[in-house]
Structure formats: C-alpha cells, structure tokens
Amino acid sequence: MVGTYIAEREVDAFRSSTGRWLLGSFLGWMTILACVIGVGLVILAVRWLQNMATSYEVTDQRLIVRRGLVMKSIDEIELYRIKDIRVDYSLVNQLTDIGTITITSTDRTTGNAQFVLRDVPAARERREGIRKLVDRARQRRGVRELDVDGEDWR
C-alpha cells in the first residue's frame, strides 16, 4: 500500500540506574568501600556520567538507544528483527530490581552480535514488555522467523 503510515508511539523510556547499581552489584559495593579512601568517588562519578549519557526508548516499532554527552549517536533496532531477549541478574541485583538485558537481533545496529543494556531498572518486566512488542511488530509486518540448520538445509 502506498501512502500507508502507522504512527509510532512511545511505550517506555529509561536509563541505567546508578543508584541501584551501587547497592545492587558487587562492583557497586566495592565502590562504596573505595569511597572511604577517595577512589570510589571517581568510579561513581564516571559510572553516573556513563548512565546519564545513555538513554533507551522503546516504541511500538523500535528500540532507540541514544548515547553521548558531547559526541552523540543514535542506534535503532527494529523490533521485528529481534530474535532473542535475555535478562540476567544476580541475587544482589534482585534486591534492588535491576538486571542486564541482552538482545540478539538481525538488525545492522547489532551486527549479528548481542546488544547489551546494563543495570536496567525493572529488567524482568521490561524484557517481557519488549517481547510482547516484538510479537506485535512481527504480526503487523507479516514477518515469520525461520531458523535453518546449515547441515539439514539442502
């Protein structure tokens, strides 16, 4: 259909959480201990700047990652191209409700590699939300996934 456009709507927007990383990871606790000798404050400042320089936006069609303070970049992953979404979290991460979301995609942004979102607040819920959006995006575009094993394909 020529001229058909479906308006894209934002579903979620978030950043990695410095505070939850500080309390919810082993490295965060080590940083707190290092603050006693002053080194931890530098680590904390660097981590906070990294988190402030990166933001994530999920629409009903794309995952948009904005990075940078001075030199900025924007990466987009079309949701229908996402093949797998994994969330990892430790026992300490669970206490502060953060996790690492790893996305495997056929999108050029990922270059057939994994795309990692670290220290994501409510990572389990966000993963499930993205998974549902991926299913809807595939249905809307009529995309079906076909896995082919190299040895069996002839």
N, C-alpha and C. Protein backbone atom coordinates (compact mmCIF):
# COMPACT_ATOMS: atom_id res chain seq x y z
N MET A 1 0.84 -1.18 0.00
CA MET A 1 0.00 0.00 0.00
C MET A 1 0.88 1.24 0.00
N VAL A 2 0.65 2.10 -0.90
CA VAL A 2 1.40 3.35 -0.99
C VAL A 2 0.71 4.38 -0.11
N GLY A 3 1.52 5.09 0.67
CA GLY A 3 0.98 6.17 1.48
C GLY A 3 0.44 5.74 2.83
N THR A 4 0.50 4.45 3.16
CA THR A 4 0.00 3.99 4.45
C THR A 4 1.10 4.17 5.49
N TYR A 5 0.78 4.88 6.55
CA TYR A 5 1.74 5.12 7.62
C TYR A 5 1.03 4.94 8.94
N ILE A 6 1.60 4.13 9.80
CA ILE A 6 1.05 3.93 11.13
C ILE A 6 1.90 4.74 12.09
N ALA A 7 1.28 5.62 12.83
CA ALA A 7 2.01 6.48 13.77
C ALA A 7 2.70 5.62 14.83
N GLU A 8 3.94 5.96 15.09
CA GLU A 8 4.72 5.26 16.10
C GLU A 8 4.47 5.92 17.44
N ARG A 9 4.32 5.12 18.49
CA ARG A 9 4.08 5.68 19.81
C ARG A 9 5.11 5.15 20.80
N GLU A 10 5.53 6.03 21.70
CA GLU A 10 6.49 5.64 22.74
C GLU A 10 5.80 4.77 23.76
N VAL A 11 6.46 3.69 24.15
CA VAL A 11 5.92 2.76 25.13
C VAL A 11 6.66 2.89 26.46
N ASP A 12 7.98 3.11 26.39
CA ASP A 12 8.80 3.15 27.60
C ASP A 12 10.06 3.95 27.32
N ALA A 13 10.59 4.59 28.34
CA ALA A 13 11.87 5.30 28.24
C ALA A 13 12.57 5.15 29.58
N PHE A 14 13.88 4.87 29.55
CA PHE A 14 14.60 4.64 30.79
C PHE A 14 16.09 4.81 30.59
N ARG A 15 16.83 4.84 31.70
CA ARG A 15 18.29 4.88 31.73
C ARG A 15 18.76 3.78 32.68
N SER A 16 20.01 3.44 32.56
CA SER A 16 20.62 2.56 33.56
C SER A 16 20.61 3.29 34.89
N SER A 17 20.46 2.57 35.96
CA SER A 17 20.33 3.18 37.28
C SER A 17 21.65 3.13 38.05
N THR A 18 22.24 4.29 38.28
CA THR A 18 23.49 4.36 39.04
C THR A 18 23.25 3.97 40.49
N GLY A 19 22.19 4.47 41.10
CA GLY A 19 21.90 4.19 42.50
C GLY A 19 21.64 2.71 42.74
N ARG A 20 20.85 2.10 41.86
CA ARG A 20 20.58 0.67 42.02
C ARG A 20 21.82 -0.16 41.73
N TRP A 21 22.65 0.30 40.77
CA TRP A 21 23.91 -0.40 40.51
C TRP A 21 24.79 -0.36 41.75
N LEU A 22 24.83 0.80 42.40
CA LEU A 22 25.68 0.98 43.57
C LEU A 22 25.29 0.00 44.69
N LEU A 23 23.99 -0.15 44.92
CA LEU A 23 23.52 -1.02 46.01
C LEU A 23 23.24 -2.44 45.55
N GLY A 24 23.11 -2.65 44.24
CA GLY A 24 22.67 -3.95 43.76
C GLY A 24 23.70 -4.74 42.99
N SER A 25 24.98 -4.40 43.15
CA SER A 25 26.00 -5.19 42.47
C SER A 25 27.26 -5.26 43.35
N PHE A 26 28.02 -6.31 43.14
CA PHE A 26 29.25 -6.48 43.89
C PHE A 26 30.21 -5.32 43.62
N LEU A 27 30.33 -4.92 42.35
CA LEU A 27 31.20 -3.81 41.99
C LEU A 27 30.72 -2.50 42.65
N GLY A 28 29.40 -2.34 42.76
CA GLY A 28 28.86 -1.16 43.44
C GLY A 28 29.25 -1.12 44.90
N TRP A 29 29.16 -2.28 45.57
CA TRP A 29 29.55 -2.34 46.98
C TRP A 29 31.05 -2.08 47.14
N MET A 30 31.85 -2.58 46.20
CA MET A 30 33.29 -2.30 46.25
C MET A 30 33.55 -0.81 46.05
N THR A 31 32.75 -0.17 45.22
CA THR A 31 32.89 1.28 45.01
C THR A 31 32.57 2.03 46.30
N ILE A 32 31.53 1.60 47.00
CA ILE A 32 31.19 2.24 48.29
C ILE A 32 32.36 2.11 49.26
N LEU A 33 32.95 0.91 49.32
CA LEU A 33 34.11 0.73 50.19
C LEU A 33 35.29 1.58 49.74
N ALA A 34 35.47 1.72 48.44
CA ALA A 34 36.57 2.52 47.91
C ALA A 34 36.36 4.01 48.17
N CYS A 35 35.13 4.44 48.42
CA CYS A 35 34.86 5.85 48.74
C CYS A 35 35.56 6.26 50.03
N VAL A 36 35.76 5.30 50.90
CA VAL A 36 36.45 5.58 52.16
C VAL A 36 37.85 6.13 51.89
N ILE A 37 38.50 5.64 50.84
CA ILE A 37 39.84 6.13 50.52
C ILE A 37 39.82 7.15 49.38
N GLY A 38 38.63 7.51 48.91
CA GLY A 38 38.50 8.56 47.91
C GLY A 38 38.42 8.10 46.47
N VAL A 39 38.93 6.92 46.16
CA VAL A 39 38.92 6.41 44.79
C VAL A 39 37.50 6.12 44.31
N GLY A 40 36.67 5.67 45.21
CA GLY A 40 35.30 5.31 44.87
C GLY A 40 34.50 6.46 44.31
N LEU A 41 34.79 7.67 44.77
CA LEU A 41 34.06 8.83 44.26
C LEU A 41 34.32 9.04 42.77
N VAL A 42 35.53 8.78 42.34
CA VAL A 42 35.87 8.89 40.91
C VAL A 42 35.12 7.82 40.11
N ILE A 43 35.14 6.58 40.61
CA ILE A 43 34.42 5.49 39.95
C ILE A 43 32.94 5.81 39.86
N LEU A 44 32.38 6.30 40.96
CA LEU A 44 30.96 6.64 40.99
C LEU A 44 30.63 7.76 40.01
N ALA A 45 31.49 8.77 39.93
CA ALA A 45 31.26 9.88 39.00
C ALA A 45 31.31 9.41 37.55
N VAL A 46 32.28 8.55 37.24
CA VAL A 46 32.38 8.02 35.87
C VAL A 46 31.15 7.19 35.53
N ARG A 47 30.73 6.34 36.44
CA ARG A 47 29.56 5.49 36.20
C ARG A 47 28.31 6.34 36.03
N TRP A 48 28.14 7.36 36.84
CA TRP A 48 26.98 8.25 36.74
C TRP A 48 26.97 8.96 35.39
N LEU A 49 28.13 9.47 34.95
CA LEU A 49 28.21 10.13 33.63
C LEU A 49 27.88 9.17 32.50
N GLN A 50 28.36 7.93 32.58
CA GLN A 50 28.02 6.93 31.55
C GLN A 50 26.52 6.70 31.50
N ASN A 51 25.90 6.57 32.66
CA ASN A 51 24.47 6.32 32.70
C ASN A 51 23.66 7.53 32.22
N MET A 52 24.11 8.73 32.55
CA MET A 52 23.41 9.93 32.10
C MET A 52 23.57 10.15 30.60
N ALA A 53 24.66 9.65 30.04
CA ALA A 53 24.94 9.83 28.61
C ALA A 53 24.19 8.83 27.74
N THR A 54 23.55 7.84 28.34
CA THR A 54 22.85 6.81 27.58
C THR A 54 21.40 6.75 28.02
N SER A 55 20.50 6.80 27.05
CA SER A 55 19.08 6.62 27.36
C SER A 55 18.48 5.65 26.35
N TYR A 56 17.45 4.96 26.80
CA TYR A 56 16.77 3.96 25.98
C TYR A 56 15.31 4.36 25.83
N GLU A 57 14.81 4.21 24.62
CA GLU A 57 13.40 4.47 24.36
C GLU A 57 12.84 3.28 23.60
N VAL A 58 11.71 2.78 24.05
CA VAL A 58 11.04 1.68 23.37
C VAL A 58 9.74 2.23 22.80
N THR A 59 9.59 2.09 21.49
CA THR A 59 8.32 2.44 20.86
C THR A 59 7.65 1.14 20.44
N ASP A 60 6.50 1.24 19.83
CA ASP A 60 5.83 0.03 19.38
C ASP A 60 6.47 -0.54 18.11
N GLN A 61 7.52 0.14 17.59
CA GLN A 61 8.18 -0.33 16.37
C GLN A 61 9.70 -0.50 16.53
N ARG A 62 10.32 0.25 17.46
CA ARG A 62 11.79 0.26 17.55
C ARG A 62 12.26 0.35 18.99
N LEU A 63 13.52 -0.08 19.19
CA LEU A 63 14.28 0.22 20.40
C LEU A 63 15.29 1.26 19.98
N ILE A 64 15.28 2.42 20.62
CA ILE A 64 16.15 3.53 20.25
C ILE A 64 17.12 3.76 21.41
N VAL A 65 18.42 3.77 21.09
CA VAL A 65 19.46 3.97 22.09
C VAL A 65 20.20 5.25 21.74
N ARG A 66 20.16 6.21 22.65
CA ARG A 66 20.87 7.48 22.47
C ARG A 66 22.06 7.49 23.40
N ARG A 67 23.25 7.78 22.82
CA ARG A 67 24.49 7.78 23.61
C ARG A 67 25.25 9.07 23.36
N GLY A 68 25.98 9.49 24.40
CA GLY A 68 26.91 10.59 24.25
C GLY A 68 26.50 11.85 24.97
N LEU A 69 27.51 12.59 25.43
CA LEU A 69 27.31 13.91 26.02
C LEU A 69 27.75 14.99 25.04
N VAL A 70 28.93 14.82 24.47
CA VAL A 70 29.45 15.78 23.50
C VAL A 70 29.23 15.26 22.09
N MET A 71 29.77 14.09 21.81
CA MET A 71 29.54 13.42 20.53
C MET A 71 28.37 12.47 20.73
N LYS A 72 27.29 12.71 20.07
CA LYS A 72 26.08 11.91 20.27
C LYS A 72 25.88 10.93 19.14
N SER A 73 25.27 9.80 19.47
CA SER A 73 24.89 8.82 18.45
C SER A 73 23.52 8.26 18.82
N ILE A 74 22.81 7.84 17.79
CA ILE A 74 21.50 7.22 17.97
C ILE A 74 21.51 5.91 17.20
N ASP A 75 21.25 4.81 17.90
CA ASP A 75 21.11 3.49 17.29
C ASP A 75 19.65 3.07 17.41
N GLU A 76 19.17 2.41 16.38
CA GLU A 76 17.79 1.93 16.39
C GLU A 76 17.77 0.46 16.00
N ILE A 77 16.98 -0.31 16.70
CA ILE A 77 16.76 -1.71 16.34
C ILE A 77 15.27 -1.86 16.05
N GLU A 78 14.95 -2.28 14.86
CA GLU A 78 13.55 -2.56 14.52
C GLU A 78 13.11 -3.77 15.34
N LEU A 79 11.99 -3.64 16.04
CA LEU A 79 11.56 -4.71 16.94
C LEU A 79 11.32 -6.03 16.21
N TYR A 80 10.81 -5.98 14.98
CA TYR A 80 10.51 -7.23 14.29
C TYR A 80 11.78 -8.02 13.96
N ARG A 81 12.96 -7.39 14.06
CA ARG A 81 14.23 -8.07 13.77
C ARG A 81 14.85 -8.71 15.01
N ILE A 82 14.27 -8.48 16.18
CA ILE A 82 14.81 -9.06 17.41
C ILE A 82 14.51 -10.56 17.44
N LYS A 83 15.56 -11.35 17.65
CA LYS A 83 15.42 -12.81 17.67
C LYS A 83 15.31 -13.35 19.09
N ASP A 84 16.01 -12.72 20.04
CA ASP A 84 16.03 -13.24 21.40
C ASP A 84 16.28 -12.10 22.38
N ILE A 85 15.65 -12.20 23.55
CA ILE A 85 15.85 -11.22 24.62
C ILE A 85 16.11 -12.01 25.90
N ARG A 86 17.25 -11.75 26.51
CA ARG A 86 17.61 -12.45 27.74
C ARG A 86 17.80 -11.42 28.84
N VAL A 87 17.45 -11.79 30.05
CA VAL A 87 17.72 -10.93 31.20
C VAL A 87 18.55 -11.72 32.20
N ASP A 88 19.61 -11.10 32.70
CA ASP A 88 20.48 -11.71 33.70
C ASP A 88 20.48 -10.83 34.94
N TYR A 89 20.47 -11.48 36.11
CA TYR A 89 20.53 -10.72 37.35
C TYR A 89 21.04 -11.63 38.45
N SER A 90 21.80 -11.04 39.35
CA SER A 90 22.35 -11.78 40.48
C SER A 90 21.39 -11.67 41.66
N LEU A 91 21.73 -12.37 42.72
CA LEU A 91 20.93 -12.28 43.95
C LEU A 91 20.88 -10.85 44.46
N VAL A 92 22.01 -10.17 44.43
CA VAL A 92 22.07 -8.77 44.91
C VAL A 92 21.27 -7.88 43.95
N ASN A 93 21.35 -8.12 42.63
CA ASN A 93 20.56 -7.36 41.66
C ASN A 93 19.07 -7.47 41.97
N GLN A 94 18.64 -8.66 42.36
CA GLN A 94 17.22 -8.87 42.64
C GLN A 94 16.73 -8.01 43.79
N LEU A 95 17.60 -7.76 44.76
CA LEU A 95 17.22 -6.94 45.91
C LEU A 95 16.91 -5.50 45.51
N THR A 96 17.58 -5.00 44.48
CA THR A 96 17.37 -3.63 44.03
C THR A 96 16.62 -3.56 42.71
N ASP A 97 16.16 -4.71 42.21
CA ASP A 97 15.34 -4.81 41.00
C ASP A 97 16.02 -4.21 39.77
N ILE A 98 17.27 -4.64 39.52
CA ILE A 98 17.96 -4.27 38.28
C ILE A 98 18.42 -5.55 37.60
N GLY A 99 18.77 -5.43 36.34
CA GLY A 99 19.29 -6.57 35.60
C GLY A 99 19.93 -6.11 34.31
N THR A 100 20.51 -7.05 33.60
CA THR A 100 21.13 -6.78 32.32
C THR A 100 20.28 -7.45 31.24
N ILE A 101 19.82 -6.65 30.28
CA ILE A 101 19.04 -7.18 29.17
C ILE A 101 19.97 -7.34 27.98
N THR A 102 19.99 -8.54 27.40
CA THR A 102 20.81 -8.82 26.22
C THR A 102 19.88 -9.15 25.07
N ILE A 103 20.05 -8.42 23.97
CA ILE A 103 19.20 -8.58 22.80
C ILE A 103 20.03 -9.13 21.64
N THR A 104 19.52 -10.19 21.03
CA THR A 104 20.12 -10.73 19.82
C THR A 104 19.19 -10.38 18.68
N SER A 105 19.75 -9.82 17.61
CA SER A 105 18.93 -9.28 16.54
C SER A 105 19.61 -9.49 15.19
N THR A 106 18.82 -9.44 14.13
CA THR A 106 19.36 -9.46 12.77
C THR A 106 19.55 -8.05 12.25
N ASP A 107 19.29 -7.06 13.07
CA ASP A 107 19.42 -5.65 12.68
C ASP A 107 20.89 -5.29 12.47
N ARG A 108 21.17 -4.40 11.55
CA ARG A 108 22.55 -3.98 11.29
C ARG A 108 23.19 -3.27 12.48
N THR A 109 22.37 -2.66 13.33
CA THR A 109 22.88 -1.98 14.52
C THR A 109 23.69 -2.95 15.38
N THR A 110 23.19 -4.17 15.52
CA THR A 110 23.88 -5.14 16.37
C THR A 110 24.97 -5.89 15.61
N GLY A 111 24.94 -5.85 14.28
CA GLY A 111 25.96 -6.54 13.50
C GLY A 111 26.00 -8.03 13.80
N ASN A 112 24.82 -8.62 13.98
CA ASN A 112 24.68 -10.04 14.33
C ASN A 112 25.39 -10.38 15.64
N ALA A 113 25.58 -9.39 16.48
CA ALA A 113 26.16 -9.61 17.81
C ALA A 113 25.08 -9.31 18.84
N GLN A 114 25.43 -9.43 20.09
CA GLN A 114 24.47 -9.14 21.15
C GLN A 114 24.53 -7.68 21.52
N PHE A 115 23.38 -7.12 21.82
CA PHE A 115 23.24 -5.73 22.21
C PHE A 115 22.89 -5.73 23.70
N VAL A 116 23.70 -5.11 24.54
CA VAL A 116 23.58 -5.23 25.99
C VAL A 116 23.13 -3.92 26.62
N LEU A 117 22.07 -4.00 27.44
CA LEU A 117 21.58 -2.87 28.23
C LEU A 117 21.84 -3.22 29.69
N ARG A 118 22.74 -2.48 30.33
CA ARG A 118 23.17 -2.83 31.68
C ARG A 118 22.42 -2.02 32.76
N ASP A 119 22.30 -2.64 33.93
CA ASP A 119 21.73 -2.00 35.12
C ASP A 119 20.36 -1.39 34.84
N VAL A 120 19.51 -2.15 34.20
CA VAL A 120 18.18 -1.68 33.81
C VAL A 120 17.21 -1.88 34.98
N PRO A 121 16.57 -0.81 35.45
CA PRO A 121 15.55 -0.97 36.49
C PRO A 121 14.38 -1.79 35.95
N ALA A 122 13.82 -2.64 36.79
CA ALA A 122 12.68 -3.49 36.43
C ALA A 122 12.95 -4.27 35.13
N ALA A 123 14.14 -4.85 35.04
CA ALA A 123 14.59 -5.51 33.81
C ALA A 123 13.68 -6.68 33.41
N ARG A 124 13.23 -7.46 34.35
CA ARG A 124 12.38 -8.61 34.01
C ARG A 124 11.07 -8.16 33.37
N GLU A 125 10.46 -7.13 33.95
CA GLU A 125 9.20 -6.62 33.40
C GLU A 125 9.43 -5.96 32.04
N ARG A 126 10.52 -5.22 31.91
CA ARG A 126 10.83 -4.57 30.63
C ARG A 126 11.11 -5.61 29.55
N ARG A 127 11.82 -6.68 29.88
CA ARG A 127 12.06 -7.74 28.92
C ARG A 127 10.76 -8.32 28.41
N GLU A 128 9.84 -8.60 29.31
CA GLU A 128 8.55 -9.17 28.91
C GLU A 128 7.77 -8.19 28.03
N GLY A 129 7.82 -6.91 28.39
CA GLY A 129 7.14 -5.89 27.58
C GLY A 129 7.72 -5.81 26.17
N ILE A 130 9.04 -5.85 26.06
CA ILE A 130 9.68 -5.81 24.74
C ILE A 130 9.32 -7.06 23.95
N ARG A 131 9.30 -8.22 24.60
CA ARG A 131 8.94 -9.46 23.92
C ARG A 131 7.55 -9.39 23.31
N LYS A 132 6.61 -8.85 24.06
CA LYS A 132 5.24 -8.69 23.54
C LYS A 132 5.20 -7.72 22.36
N LEU A 133 5.97 -6.63 22.46
CA LEU A 133 6.02 -5.66 21.36
C LEU A 133 6.66 -6.27 20.11
N VAL A 134 7.66 -7.14 20.30
CA VAL A 134 8.30 -7.82 19.17
C VAL A 134 7.26 -8.70 18.45
N ASP A 135 6.48 -9.45 19.22
CA ASP A 135 5.43 -10.29 18.62
C ASP A 135 4.44 -9.45 17.83
N ARG A 136 4.00 -8.33 18.39
CA ARG A 136 3.04 -7.46 17.69
C ARG A 136 3.64 -6.86 16.42
N ALA A 137 4.93 -6.44 16.51
CA ALA A 137 5.60 -5.85 15.35
C ALA A 137 5.72 -6.88 14.23
N ARG A 138 6.01 -8.12 14.56
CA ARG A 138 6.09 -9.18 13.55
C ARG A 138 4.73 -9.44 12.92
N GLN A 139 3.69 -9.48 13.73
CA GLN A 139 2.35 -9.70 13.20
C GLN A 139 1.94 -8.56 12.27
N ARG A 140 2.22 -7.34 12.68
CA ARG A 140 1.85 -6.16 11.89
C ARG A 140 2.54 -6.17 10.53
N ARG A 141 3.79 -6.62 10.49
CA ARG A 141 4.55 -6.65 9.24
C ARG A 141 4.43 -7.98 8.49
N GLY A 142 3.76 -8.95 9.10
CA GLY A 142 3.63 -10.25 8.46
C GLY A 142 4.95 -11.00 8.40
N VAL A 143 5.80 -10.81 9.41
CA VAL A 143 7.13 -11.44 9.45
C VAL A 143 7.04 -12.72 10.26
N ARG A 144 7.63 -13.78 9.70
CA ARG A 144 7.76 -15.04 10.42
C ARG A 144 9.23 -15.38 10.51
N GLU A 145 9.62 -15.95 11.63
CA GLU A 145 11.02 -16.33 11.81
C GLU A 145 11.22 -17.74 11.30
N LEU A 146 12.30 -17.95 10.56
CA LEU A 146 12.64 -19.26 10.03
C LEU A 146 14.08 -19.57 10.42
N ASP A 147 14.26 -20.57 11.27
CA ASP A 147 15.60 -20.99 11.66
C ASP A 147 15.99 -22.17 10.78
N VAL A 148 17.15 -22.06 10.18
CA VAL A 148 17.63 -23.10 9.29
C VAL A 148 18.96 -23.63 9.81
N ASP A 149 19.03 -24.92 10.04
CA ASP A 149 20.27 -25.55 10.47
C ASP A 149 21.10 -25.83 9.21
N GLY A 150 22.33 -25.37 9.17
CA GLY A 150 23.18 -25.47 7.99
C GLY A 150 23.34 -26.88 7.44
N GLU A 151 23.38 -27.90 8.30
CA GLU A 151 23.58 -29.27 7.84
C GLU A 151 22.32 -29.85 7.22
N ASP A 152 21.16 -29.49 7.72
CA ASP A 152 19.91 -30.07 7.24
C ASP A 152 19.36 -29.36 6.02
N TRP A 153 19.84 -28.19 5.75
CA TRP A 153 19.30 -27.38 4.63
C TRP A 153 19.96 -27.83 3.33
N ARG A 154 19.17 -28.32 2.41
CA ARG A 154 19.71 -28.75 1.11
C ARG A 154 18.79 -28.35 0.02
